[in-house]
Amino acid sequence: MGRHVVDLKPRWADMDAYGHVNNVTWLEYLQEARVDMFHAYTSDPGEGLLVEGVVVSRAVIDYKRPLVFRPDPVRIEMWVSRAGVASFTIDYEVLDRADDGSRIVYVLAQTVLVPVTLEDGRPRRLRPQERKVLEGLGDD
């Protein structure tokens, strides 16, 4: 399938005193993109990808350059880089693409996610159908 792409418009409230997207806000951007990806690959909400729940167990963000407020959206490209037995990893690039094809990268990030049961919040193993979908979301 390749990378899942989300175009996200920065909000004025996302800016800090220096006039760029606040470091904490980047986690919200990644979450919005991740939720979009999960919904995009779920045909039936009751039978879809990770419907019981998922929690972030690790988040790493490498800030490459500041993103200042602007009316145009920023592009978030994401893919599953690893699907384990009871966790999976999503990699992200937040960027702009120039007309000449070059990329202006603002953030490189990675989150490790663990599926959980909603009743007790305990970790669980990935189901075969979940693993199949996640493996299909790798970077081609």
C-alpha atoms as a PDB file:
ATOM      1  CA  MET A   1       0.000   0.000   0.000  1.00  0.00           C
ATOM      2  CA  GLY A   2       2.783   2.414   0.781  1.00  0.00           C
ATOM      3  CA  ARG A   3       2.662   5.520   2.863  1.00  0.00           C
ATOM      4  CA  HIS A   4      -0.557   6.918   4.240  1.00  0.00           C
ATOM      5  CA  VAL A   5      -0.729  10.685   3.692  1.00  0.00           C
ATOM      6  CA  VAL A   6      -2.595  13.278   5.763  1.00  0.00           C
ATOM      7  CA  ASP A   7      -2.610  17.003   5.008  1.00  0.00           C
ATOM      8  CA  LEU A   8      -3.015  18.910   8.261  1.00  0.00           C
ATOM      9  CA  LYS A   9      -3.566  22.660   8.581  1.00  0.00           C
ATOM     10  CA  PRO A  10      -1.663  24.287  11.435  1.00  0.00           C
ATOM     11  CA  ARG A  11      -3.919  26.218  13.814  1.00  0.00           C
ATOM     12  CA  TRP A  12      -3.060  29.611  15.252  1.00  0.00           C
ATOM     13  CA  ALA A  13      -3.376  28.117  18.742  1.00  0.00           C
ATOM     14  CA  ASP A  14      -0.622  25.592  17.881  1.00  0.00           C
ATOM     15  CA  MET A  15       2.020  28.325  17.837  1.00  0.00           C
ATOM     16  CA  ASP A  16       4.308  29.123  20.731  1.00  0.00           C
ATOM     17  CA  ALA A  17       5.925  32.407  21.783  1.00  0.00           C
ATOM     18  CA  TYR A  18       8.568  31.960  19.063  1.00  0.00           C
ATOM     19  CA  GLY A  19       5.948  31.840  16.293  1.00  0.00           C
ATOM     20  CA  HIS A  20       6.335  28.168  15.367  1.00  0.00           C
ATOM     21  CA  VAL A  21       4.443  24.975  16.145  1.00  0.00           C
ATOM     22  CA  ASN A  22       5.009  24.105  19.798  1.00  0.00           C
ATOM     23  CA  ASN A  23       6.977  20.924  20.461  1.00  0.00           C
ATOM     24  CA  VAL A  24       4.086  19.355  22.410  1.00  0.00           C
ATOM     25  CA  THR A  25       1.646  20.040  19.565  1.00  0.00           C
ATOM     26  CA  TRP A  26       3.583  17.715  17.286  1.00  0.00           C
ATOM     27  CA  LEU A  27       2.303  14.754  19.325  1.00  0.00           C
ATOM     28  CA  GLU A  28      -1.257  15.913  18.617  1.00  0.00           C
ATOM     29  CA  TYR A  29      -0.467  16.143  14.890  1.00  0.00           C
ATOM     30  CA  LEU A  30       0.871  12.580  14.917  1.00  0.00           C
ATOM     31  CA  GLN A  31      -2.225  11.391  16.762  1.00  0.00           C
ATOM     32  CA  GLU A  32      -4.570  13.044  14.258  1.00  0.00           C
ATOM     33  CA  ALA A  33      -2.697  11.444  11.370  1.00  0.00           C
ATOM     34  CA  ARG A  34      -2.660   8.039  13.094  1.00  0.00           C
ATOM     35  CA  VAL A  35      -6.407   8.117  13.752  1.00  0.00           C
ATOM     36  CA  ASP A  36      -6.984   9.061  10.115  1.00  0.00           C
ATOM     37  CA  MET A  37      -4.911   6.073   9.016  1.00  0.00           C
ATOM     38  CA  PHE A  38      -6.802   3.658  11.282  1.00  0.00           C
ATOM     39  CA  HIS A  39     -10.158   4.922   9.981  1.00  0.00           C
ATOM     40  CA  ALA A  40      -9.011   4.754   6.355  1.00  0.00           C
ATOM     41  CA  TYR A  41      -8.320   1.018   6.647  1.00  0.00           C
ATOM     42  CA  THR A  42     -11.406   0.093   8.637  1.00  0.00           C
ATOM     43  CA  SER A  43     -14.425  -0.823   6.527  1.00  0.00           C
ATOM     44  CA  ASP A  44     -16.675  -1.897   9.407  1.00  0.00           C
ATOM     45  CA  PRO A  45     -16.238   0.049  12.673  1.00  0.00           C
ATOM     46  CA  GLY A  46     -17.141  -3.040  14.704  1.00  0.00           C
ATOM     47  CA  GLU A  47     -14.675  -5.311  12.919  1.00  0.00           C
ATOM     48  CA  GLY A  48     -11.880  -2.955  12.003  1.00  0.00           C
ATOM     49  CA  LEU A  49      -8.310  -2.295  12.867  1.00  0.00           C
ATOM     50  CA  LEU A  50      -7.613  -2.109  16.606  1.00  0.00           C
ATOM     51  CA  VAL A  51     -11.241  -1.425  17.578  1.00  0.00           C
ATOM     52  CA  GLU A  52     -10.645  -2.557  21.155  1.00  0.00           C
ATOM     53  CA  GLY A  53      -8.072   0.138  21.754  1.00  0.00           C
ATOM     54  CA  VAL A  54      -4.455   1.012  21.384  1.00  0.00           C
ATOM     55  CA  VAL A  55      -2.051   3.021  23.523  1.00  0.00           C
ATOM     56  CA  VAL A  56       1.211   4.739  22.718  1.00  0.00           C
ATOM     57  CA  SER A  57       4.023   3.124  24.688  1.00  0.00           C
ATOM     58  CA  ARG A  58       6.829   5.200  23.173  1.00  0.00           C
ATOM     59  CA  ALA A  59       7.110   8.376  21.122  1.00  0.00           C
ATOM     60  CA  VAL A  60      10.280   9.794  19.588  1.00  0.00           C
ATOM     61  CA  ILE A  61      10.392  13.087  17.705  1.00  0.00           C
ATOM     62  CA  ASP A  62      13.387  14.520  15.882  1.00  0.00           C
ATOM     63  CA  TYR A  63      12.765  18.203  15.191  1.00  0.00           C
ATOM     64  CA  LYS A  64      14.518  19.152  11.952  1.00  0.00           C
ATOM     65  CA  ARG A  65      13.266  22.711  11.389  1.00  0.00           C
ATOM     66  CA  PRO A  66      10.523  24.955  12.776  1.00  0.00           C
ATOM     67  CA  LEU A  67       7.114  25.121  11.136  1.00  0.00           C
ATOM     68  CA  VAL A  68       5.641  28.615  11.298  1.00  0.00           C
ATOM     69  CA  PHE A  69       1.974  29.498  10.980  1.00  0.00           C
ATOM     70  CA  ARG A  70       0.640  29.520   7.443  1.00  0.00           C
ATOM     71  CA  PRO A  71      -2.686  28.918   5.718  1.00  0.00           C
ATOM     72  CA  ASP A  72      -1.454  25.890   3.758  1.00  0.00           C
ATOM     73  CA  PRO A  73      -1.496  22.391   5.234  1.00  0.00           C
ATOM     74  CA  VAL A  74       1.626  20.433   6.063  1.00  0.00           C
ATOM     75  CA  ARG A  75       1.975  16.888   4.742  1.00  0.00           C
ATOM     76  CA  ILE A  76       2.278  13.952   7.133  1.00  0.00           C
ATOM     77  CA  GLU A  77       3.471  10.719   5.546  1.00  0.00           C
ATOM     78  CA  MET A  78       3.314   7.637   7.732  1.00  0.00           C
ATOM     79  CA  TRP A  79       3.808   3.901   7.491  1.00  0.00           C
ATOM     80  CA  VAL A  80       4.087   0.825   9.696  1.00  0.00           C
ATOM     81  CA  SER A  81       7.778  -0.010   9.990  1.00  0.00           C
ATOM     82  CA  ARG A  82       7.328  -3.005  12.295  1.00  0.00           C
ATOM     83  CA  ALA A  83       4.436  -5.289  13.258  1.00  0.00           C
ATOM     84  CA  GLY A  84       5.350  -7.484  16.187  1.00  0.00           C
ATOM     85  CA  VAL A  85       3.348  -9.966  18.217  1.00  0.00           C
ATOM     86  CA  ALA A  86       1.949  -7.487  20.744  1.00  0.00           C
ATOM     87  CA  SER A  87       3.072  -4.084  19.453  1.00  0.00           C
ATOM     88  CA  PHE A  88       3.767  -2.217  16.242  1.00  0.00           C
ATOM     89  CA  THR A  89       5.744   0.829  15.175  1.00  0.00           C
ATOM     90  CA  ILE A  90       4.642   3.714  12.978  1.00  0.00           C
ATOM     91  CA  ASP A  91       7.198   6.036  11.372  1.00  0.00           C
ATOM     92  CA  TYR A  92       6.299   9.573  10.290  1.00  0.00           C
ATOM     93  CA  GLU A  93       7.738  12.326   8.123  1.00  0.00           C
ATOM     94  CA  VAL A  94       6.175  15.767   8.366  1.00  0.00           C
ATOM     95  CA  LEU A  95       7.162  17.773   5.326  1.00  0.00           C
ATOM     96  CA  ASP A  96       6.460  19.985   2.369  1.00  0.00           C
ATOM     97  CA  ARG A  97       7.162  18.930  -1.189  1.00  0.00           C
ATOM     98  CA  ALA A  98       8.576  21.625  -3.446  1.00  0.00           C
ATOM     99  CA  ASP A  99       7.640  21.945  -7.115  1.00  0.00           C
ATOM    100  CA  ASP A 100      11.023  20.512  -8.098  1.00  0.00           C
ATOM    101  CA  GLY A 101      10.325  17.340  -6.069  1.00  0.00           C
ATOM    102  CA  SER A 102      12.617  18.206  -3.166  1.00  0.00           C
ATOM    103  CA  ARG A 103      11.414  17.695   0.384  1.00  0.00           C
ATOM    104  CA  ILE A 104      11.495  20.154   3.261  1.00  0.00           C
ATOM    105  CA  VAL A 105      11.333  17.981   6.389  1.00  0.00           C
ATOM    106  CA  TYR A 106      10.130  19.501   9.668  1.00  0.00           C
ATOM    107  CA  VAL A 107       9.857  16.407  11.836  1.00  0.00           C
ATOM    108  CA  LEU A 108      10.850  12.744  11.752  1.00  0.00           C
ATOM    109  CA  ALA A 109       8.985  10.714  14.356  1.00  0.00           C
ATOM    110  CA  GLN A 110       8.183   7.232  15.525  1.00  0.00           C
ATOM    111  CA  THR A 111       5.547   5.816  17.844  1.00  0.00           C
ATOM    112  CA  VAL A 112       5.350   2.327  19.307  1.00  0.00           C
ATOM    113  CA  LEU A 113       1.758   1.249  19.901  1.00  0.00           C
ATOM    114  CA  VAL A 114       0.314  -1.575  21.974  1.00  0.00           C
ATOM    115  CA  PRO A 115      -3.190  -2.994  21.476  1.00  0.00           C
ATOM    116  CA  VAL A 116      -5.244  -3.203  24.666  1.00  0.00           C
ATOM    117  CA  THR A 117      -8.614  -4.500  25.793  1.00  0.00           C
ATOM    118  CA  LEU A 118     -10.974  -1.694  26.725  1.00  0.00           C
ATOM    119  CA  GLU A 119     -12.515  -3.503  29.714  1.00  0.00           C
ATOM    120  CA  ASP A 120      -9.328  -3.623  31.759  1.00  0.00           C
ATOM    121  CA  GLY A 121      -6.764  -1.668  29.721  1.00  0.00           C
ATOM    122  CA  ARG A 122      -4.425  -4.656  29.639  1.00  0.00           C
ATOM    123  CA  PRO A 123      -2.123  -5.289  26.680  1.00  0.00           C
ATOM    124  CA  ARG A 124      -3.096  -7.989  24.243  1.00  0.00           C
ATOM    125  CA  ARG A 125      -1.620  -9.673  21.184  1.00  0.00           C
ATOM    126  CA  LEU A 126      -2.375  -8.467  17.678  1.00  0.00           C
ATOM    127  CA  ARG A 127      -5.062 -10.515  15.959  1.00  0.00           C
ATOM    128  CA  PRO A 128      -4.120 -12.150  12.640  1.00  0.00           C
ATOM    129  CA  GLN A 129      -6.379  -9.781  10.640  1.00  0.00           C
ATOM    130  CA  GLU A 130      -4.900  -6.735  12.416  1.00  0.00           C
ATOM    131  CA  ARG A 131      -1.376  -7.935  11.744  1.00  0.00           C
ATOM    132  CA  LYS A 132      -2.215  -8.506   8.073  1.00  0.00           C
ATOM    133  CA  VAL A 133      -3.537  -4.944   7.695  1.00  0.00           C
ATOM    134  CA  LEU A 134      -0.551  -3.463   9.554  1.00  0.00           C
ATOM    135  CA  GLU A 135       1.945  -5.402   7.444  1.00  0.00           C
ATOM    136  CA  GLY A 136       0.191  -4.032   4.346  1.00  0.00           C
ATOM    137  CA  LEU A 137       0.831  -0.481   5.546  1.00  0.00           C
ATOM    138  CA  GLY A 138       4.590  -0.772   5.192  1.00  0.00           C
ATOM    139  CA  ASP A 139       6.675   1.682   3.198  1.00  0.00           C
ATOM    140  CA  ASP A 140       6.899   0.356  -0.355  1.00  0.00           C
END
